[in-house]
Amino acid sequence: MAKDFDRQNTEVRIPIALFNRLTALGTPETLGMPSPNRGKGRLHANLE
């Protein structure tokens, strides 16, 4: 273990950064779906 405070700080930050990177790789990316009737007032506008 490092004795200097700055080096101790680095020793703590490296595993945290690695953990955050691995967590980000396993997190799914969620995308929103557009609403089919947004602004039209009815579900199927082409049925008229």
N, C-alpha and C. Protein backbone atom coordinates (compact mmCIF):
# COMPACT_ATOMS: atom_id res chain seq x y z
N MET A 1 0.84 -1.18 0.00
CA MET A 1 0.00 0.00 0.00
C MET A 1 0.88 1.24 0.00
N ALA A 2 0.42 2.25 -0.72
CA ALA A 2 1.18 3.50 -0.81
C ALA A 2 1.09 4.28 0.51
N LYS A 3 2.13 5.02 0.80
CA LYS A 3 2.14 5.84 2.01
C LYS A 3 1.77 7.28 1.72
N ASP A 4 2.02 7.74 0.51
CA ASP A 4 1.70 9.11 0.12
C ASP A 4 0.19 9.22 -0.14
N PHE A 5 -0.42 10.30 0.32
CA PHE A 5 -1.87 10.45 0.20
C PHE A 5 -2.33 10.46 -1.26
N ASP A 6 -1.59 11.16 -2.13
CA ASP A 6 -1.98 11.20 -3.55
C ASP A 6 -1.94 9.82 -4.18
N ARG A 7 -0.96 9.02 -3.82
CA ARG A 7 -0.87 7.67 -4.37
C ARG A 7 -1.95 6.76 -3.78
N GLN A 8 -2.30 6.97 -2.51
CA GLN A 8 -3.41 6.21 -1.92
C GLN A 8 -4.71 6.54 -2.64
N ASN A 9 -4.88 7.82 -2.94
CA ASN A 9 -6.07 8.26 -3.65
C ASN A 9 -6.16 7.57 -5.02
N THR A 10 -5.04 7.48 -5.71
CA THR A 10 -4.99 6.81 -7.01
C THR A 10 -5.30 5.33 -6.87
N GLU A 11 -4.77 4.70 -5.82
CA GLU A 11 -5.02 3.27 -5.60
C GLU A 11 -6.50 2.99 -5.39
N VAL A 12 -7.21 3.93 -4.83
CA VAL A 12 -8.64 3.75 -4.61
C VAL A 12 -9.42 4.02 -5.90
N ARG A 13 -8.99 5.00 -6.66
CA ARG A 13 -9.74 5.41 -7.86
C ARG A 13 -9.64 4.41 -9.01
N ILE A 14 -8.53 3.70 -9.11
CA ILE A 14 -8.35 2.76 -10.22
C ILE A 14 -9.39 1.63 -10.17
N PRO A 15 -9.58 0.92 -9.05
CA PRO A 15 -10.61 -0.13 -9.03
C PRO A 15 -12.03 0.43 -9.22
N ILE A 16 -12.27 1.63 -8.71
CA ILE A 16 -13.60 2.22 -8.88
C ILE A 16 -13.85 2.51 -10.36
N ALA A 17 -12.86 3.06 -11.06
CA ALA A 17 -13.02 3.35 -12.49
C ALA A 17 -13.22 2.06 -13.28
N LEU A 18 -12.50 1.01 -12.92
CA LEU A 18 -12.65 -0.27 -13.60
C LEU A 18 -14.04 -0.84 -13.36
N PHE A 19 -14.50 -0.79 -12.12
CA PHE A 19 -15.84 -1.28 -11.80
C PHE A 19 -16.91 -0.51 -12.58
N ASN A 20 -16.78 0.82 -12.64
CA ASN A 20 -17.76 1.63 -13.37
C ASN A 20 -17.75 1.30 -14.86
N ARG A 21 -16.58 1.07 -15.41
CA ARG A 21 -16.49 0.74 -16.84
C ARG A 21 -17.15 -0.61 -17.13
N LEU A 22 -16.90 -1.60 -16.28
CA LEU A 22 -17.50 -2.92 -16.48
C LEU A 22 -19.01 -2.87 -16.27
N THR A 23 -19.46 -2.06 -15.32
CA THR A 23 -20.89 -1.91 -15.10
C THR A 23 -21.55 -1.26 -16.31
N ALA A 24 -20.91 -0.28 -16.90
CA ALA A 24 -21.47 0.39 -18.08
C ALA A 24 -21.57 -0.57 -19.26
N LEU A 25 -20.64 -1.49 -19.39
CA LEU A 25 -20.69 -2.46 -20.48
C LEU A 25 -21.89 -3.40 -20.34
N GLY A 26 -22.29 -3.70 -19.11
CA GLY A 26 -23.39 -4.62 -18.89
C GLY A 26 -24.75 -3.96 -18.78
N THR A 27 -24.81 -2.64 -18.85
CA THR A 27 -26.08 -1.93 -18.73
C THR A 27 -26.74 -1.82 -20.09
N PRO A 28 -27.98 -2.29 -20.24
CA PRO A 28 -28.65 -2.19 -21.54
C PRO A 28 -28.98 -0.74 -21.89
N GLU A 29 -28.97 -0.45 -23.17
CA GLU A 29 -29.33 0.88 -23.65
C GLU A 29 -30.81 0.87 -24.01
N THR A 30 -31.58 1.70 -23.34
CA THR A 30 -33.02 1.73 -23.55
C THR A 30 -33.37 2.88 -24.49
N LEU A 31 -34.13 2.56 -25.52
CA LEU A 31 -34.57 3.55 -26.49
C LEU A 31 -36.09 3.69 -26.41
N GLY A 32 -36.57 4.89 -26.52
CA GLY A 32 -38.01 5.12 -26.50
C GLY A 32 -38.63 4.86 -27.86
N MET A 33 -39.87 4.41 -27.86
CA MET A 33 -40.60 4.17 -29.10
C MET A 33 -41.50 5.37 -29.36
N PRO A 34 -41.57 5.84 -30.59
CA PRO A 34 -42.47 6.95 -30.89
C PRO A 34 -43.92 6.49 -30.81
N SER A 35 -44.77 7.37 -30.36
CA SER A 35 -46.19 7.05 -30.25
C SER A 35 -46.82 7.03 -31.64
N PRO A 36 -47.60 5.99 -31.99
CA PRO A 36 -48.19 5.92 -33.33
C PRO A 36 -49.25 6.98 -33.58
N ASN A 37 -49.86 7.52 -32.52
CA ASN A 37 -50.94 8.49 -32.74
C ASN A 37 -50.59 9.86 -32.17
N ARG A 38 -49.33 10.16 -32.08
CA ARG A 38 -48.92 11.45 -31.52
C ARG A 38 -49.36 12.58 -32.44
N GLY A 39 -50.21 13.45 -31.94
CA GLY A 39 -50.63 14.62 -32.68
C GLY A 39 -51.76 14.37 -33.66
N LYS A 40 -52.18 13.14 -33.88
CA LYS A 40 -53.23 12.84 -34.86
C LYS A 40 -54.59 12.65 -34.20
N GLY A 41 -54.63 12.25 -32.96
CA GLY A 41 -55.89 12.09 -32.26
C GLY A 41 -56.54 10.73 -32.47
N ARG A 42 -56.02 9.92 -33.37
CA ARG A 42 -56.55 8.57 -33.56
C ARG A 42 -55.40 7.62 -33.91
N LEU A 43 -55.63 6.33 -33.74
CA LEU A 43 -54.57 5.35 -33.88
C LEU A 43 -54.15 5.18 -35.34
N HIS A 44 -55.10 5.00 -36.24
CA HIS A 44 -54.79 4.78 -37.65
C HIS A 44 -55.40 5.90 -38.49
N ALA A 45 -54.60 6.85 -38.89
CA ALA A 45 -55.08 7.99 -39.65
C ALA A 45 -55.34 7.63 -41.11
N ASN A 46 -54.75 6.53 -41.60
CA ASN A 46 -54.89 6.19 -43.01
C ASN A 46 -56.09 5.28 -43.28
N LEU A 47 -57.00 5.07 -42.34
CA LEU A 47 -58.18 4.24 -42.53
C LEU A 47 -59.38 5.01 -43.04
N GLU A 48 -59.22 6.29 -43.27
CA GLU A 48 -60.35 7.12 -43.70
C GLU A 48 -60.69 6.88 -45.14
